[in-house]
Amino acid sequence: MAFKPLHDRVLVRRVEGDEKTAGGLIIPDSAKEKPAEGEIIAVGEGARKDSGELIAPSVSSGDKILFGKWSGTEITLDGEELLIMKESDILGIIS
């Protein structure tokens, strides 16, 4: 894949949710919500201050993250559905 996000944007692959509830019920595709958890695939170089100084991103490729339900722009790249979002849309890193 030859895609590099610009500035403070990141490329994210969604992590699929569970197929069953805790009680063992199978969740049909029509009732599933899109997961708000993902893995960072690529990171831009970072934002710039008004002075032109580069602000390094707080996340890196391979990080597992949580993001807002409506965050990012969905794209299809090499047949795979991915999200491009700003670093500020990321709520936290899962360790």
C-alpha atoms as a PDB file:
ATOM      1  CA  MET A   1       0.000   0.000   0.000  1.00  0.00           C
ATOM      2  CA  ALA A   2       1.491   3.324  -1.035  1.00  0.00           C
ATOM      3  CA  PHE A   3      -0.362   5.907   1.044  1.00  0.00           C
ATOM      4  CA  LYS A   4       1.138   8.452   3.441  1.00  0.00           C
ATOM      5  CA  PRO A   5      -1.206  10.743   5.420  1.00  0.00           C
ATOM      6  CA  LEU A   6      -0.325  14.425   5.478  1.00  0.00           C
ATOM      7  CA  HIS A   7       0.197  16.691   8.490  1.00  0.00           C
ATOM      8  CA  ASP A   8      -1.576  15.443  11.656  1.00  0.00           C
ATOM      9  CA  ARG A   9      -3.708  12.785   9.960  1.00  0.00           C
ATOM     10  CA  VAL A  10      -3.559   9.020  10.543  1.00  0.00           C
ATOM     11  CA  LEU A  11      -4.710   6.002   8.528  1.00  0.00           C
ATOM     12  CA  VAL A  12      -6.700   3.517  10.646  1.00  0.00           C
ATOM     13  CA  ARG A  13      -7.974  -0.033  10.104  1.00  0.00           C
ATOM     14  CA  ARG A  14     -11.080  -0.812  12.165  1.00  0.00           C
ATOM     15  CA  VAL A  15     -10.873  -3.784  14.540  1.00  0.00           C
ATOM     16  CA  GLU A  16     -13.936  -5.995  14.158  1.00  0.00           C
ATOM     17  CA  GLY A  17     -16.206  -6.416  17.175  1.00  0.00           C
ATOM     18  CA  ASP A  18     -17.525  -9.591  18.763  1.00  0.00           C
ATOM     19  CA  GLU A  19     -19.963 -11.784  16.864  1.00  0.00           C
ATOM     20  CA  LYS A  20     -21.744 -12.856  20.085  1.00  0.00           C
ATOM     21  CA  THR A  21     -23.000 -11.172  23.237  1.00  0.00           C
ATOM     22  CA  ALA A  22     -21.695 -12.134  26.681  1.00  0.00           C
ATOM     23  CA  GLY A  23     -24.768 -14.365  27.050  1.00  0.00           C
ATOM     24  CA  GLY A  24     -23.972 -16.253  23.835  1.00  0.00           C
ATOM     25  CA  LEU A  25     -26.505 -14.639  21.477  1.00  0.00           C
ATOM     26  CA  ILE A  26     -25.287 -14.165  17.916  1.00  0.00           C
ATOM     27  CA  ILE A  27     -25.496 -10.549  16.731  1.00  0.00           C
ATOM     28  CA  PRO A  28     -26.765 -10.246  13.120  1.00  0.00           C
ATOM     29  CA  ASP A  29     -24.890  -7.913  10.748  1.00  0.00           C
ATOM     30  CA  SER A  30     -27.900  -5.582  10.559  1.00  0.00           C
ATOM     31  CA  ALA A  31     -27.738  -4.930  14.322  1.00  0.00           C
ATOM     32  CA  LYS A  32     -23.976  -4.433  14.601  1.00  0.00           C
ATOM     33  CA  GLU A  33     -22.521  -0.994  15.110  1.00  0.00           C
ATOM     34  CA  LYS A  34     -19.275  -0.066  13.472  1.00  0.00           C
ATOM     35  CA  PRO A  35     -16.497  -0.476  16.009  1.00  0.00           C
ATOM     36  CA  ALA A  36     -14.814   2.614  17.446  1.00  0.00           C
ATOM     37  CA  GLU A  37     -11.568   0.730  17.926  1.00  0.00           C
ATOM     38  CA  GLY A  38      -8.786   0.392  15.412  1.00  0.00           C
ATOM     39  CA  GLU A  39      -5.131  -0.051  14.577  1.00  0.00           C
ATOM     40  CA  ILE A  40      -3.006   2.729  13.112  1.00  0.00           C
ATOM     41  CA  ILE A  41      -1.545   1.799   9.737  1.00  0.00           C
ATOM     42  CA  ALA A  42       0.279   5.044   8.843  1.00  0.00           C
ATOM     43  CA  VAL A  43       0.941   8.407  10.511  1.00  0.00           C
ATOM     44  CA  GLY A  44       1.607  11.831   8.995  1.00  0.00           C
ATOM     45  CA  GLU A  45       4.612  13.938   9.932  1.00  0.00           C
ATOM     46  CA  GLY A  46       2.655  16.034  12.446  1.00  0.00           C
ATOM     47  CA  ALA A  47       1.017  19.434  12.730  1.00  0.00           C
ATOM     48  CA  ARG A  48       2.849  22.746  12.591  1.00  0.00           C
ATOM     49  CA  LYS A  49       2.735  25.642  15.027  1.00  0.00           C
ATOM     50  CA  ASP A  50       2.205  29.183  13.741  1.00  0.00           C
ATOM     51  CA  SER A  51       5.980  29.619  13.967  1.00  0.00           C
ATOM     52  CA  GLY A  52       6.445  26.682  11.553  1.00  0.00           C
ATOM     53  CA  GLU A  53       7.835  24.348  14.212  1.00  0.00           C
ATOM     54  CA  LEU A  54       6.768  20.719  13.757  1.00  0.00           C
ATOM     55  CA  ILE A  55       4.663  19.080  16.509  1.00  0.00           C
ATOM     56  CA  ALA A  56       5.448  15.350  16.470  1.00  0.00           C
ATOM     57  CA  PRO A  57       2.429  12.986  16.585  1.00  0.00           C
ATOM     58  CA  SER A  58       1.627  11.205  19.873  1.00  0.00           C
ATOM     59  CA  VAL A  59       0.736   7.943  18.100  1.00  0.00           C
ATOM     60  CA  SER A  60       2.675   5.602  15.838  1.00  0.00           C
ATOM     61  CA  SER A  61       1.988   2.783  13.399  1.00  0.00           C
ATOM     62  CA  GLY A  62       0.743  -0.365  15.123  1.00  0.00           C
ATOM     63  CA  ASP A  63      -0.919   1.439  18.053  1.00  0.00           C
ATOM     64  CA  LYS A  64      -4.399   0.200  19.046  1.00  0.00           C
ATOM     65  CA  ILE A  65      -6.706   3.193  19.521  1.00  0.00           C
ATOM     66  CA  LEU A  66     -10.230   4.289  20.442  1.00  0.00           C
ATOM     67  CA  PHE A  67     -11.892   7.014  18.398  1.00  0.00           C
ATOM     68  CA  GLY A  68     -15.239   8.794  18.251  1.00  0.00           C
ATOM     69  CA  LYS A  69     -18.193   7.077  16.595  1.00  0.00           C
ATOM     70  CA  TRP A  70     -18.415   9.608  13.756  1.00  0.00           C
ATOM     71  CA  SER A  71     -14.669  10.293  13.413  1.00  0.00           C
ATOM     72  CA  GLY A  72     -12.767  10.118  10.174  1.00  0.00           C
ATOM     73  CA  THR A  73     -13.447   9.719   6.479  1.00  0.00           C
ATOM     74  CA  GLU A  74     -14.012   6.226   5.112  1.00  0.00           C
ATOM     75  CA  ILE A  75     -11.927   5.257   2.087  1.00  0.00           C
ATOM     76  CA  THR A  76     -11.249   2.050   0.168  1.00  0.00           C
ATOM     77  CA  LEU A  77      -7.586   1.412  -0.540  1.00  0.00           C
ATOM     78  CA  ASP A  78      -6.423  -1.785  -2.274  1.00  0.00           C
ATOM     79  CA  GLY A  79      -9.879  -3.284  -1.640  1.00  0.00           C
ATOM     80  CA  GLU A  80      -9.712  -2.651   2.112  1.00  0.00           C
ATOM     81  CA  GLU A  81     -11.983  -0.226   3.983  1.00  0.00           C
ATOM     82  CA  LEU A  82      -9.921   2.217   6.056  1.00  0.00           C
ATOM     83  CA  LEU A  83     -10.380   5.535   7.863  1.00  0.00           C
ATOM     84  CA  ILE A  84      -8.415   8.759   7.572  1.00  0.00           C
ATOM     85  CA  MET A  85      -8.756  10.971  10.638  1.00  0.00           C
ATOM     86  CA  LYS A  86      -7.015  13.781  12.429  1.00  0.00           C
ATOM     87  CA  GLU A  87      -4.919  12.858  15.421  1.00  0.00           C
ATOM     88  CA  SER A  88      -7.226  14.998  17.584  1.00  0.00           C
ATOM     89  CA  ASP A  89     -10.135  12.611  16.773  1.00  0.00           C
ATOM     90  CA  ILE A  90      -8.323   9.822  18.650  1.00  0.00           C
ATOM     91  CA  LEU A  91      -9.643   9.421  22.198  1.00  0.00           C
ATOM     92  CA  GLY A  92      -6.861   7.213  23.531  1.00  0.00           C
ATOM     93  CA  ILE A  93      -4.335   4.436  23.017  1.00  0.00           C
ATOM     94  CA  ILE A  94      -5.160   0.900  24.218  1.00  0.00           C
ATOM     95  CA  SER A  95      -2.183  -0.783  25.876  1.00  0.00           C
END
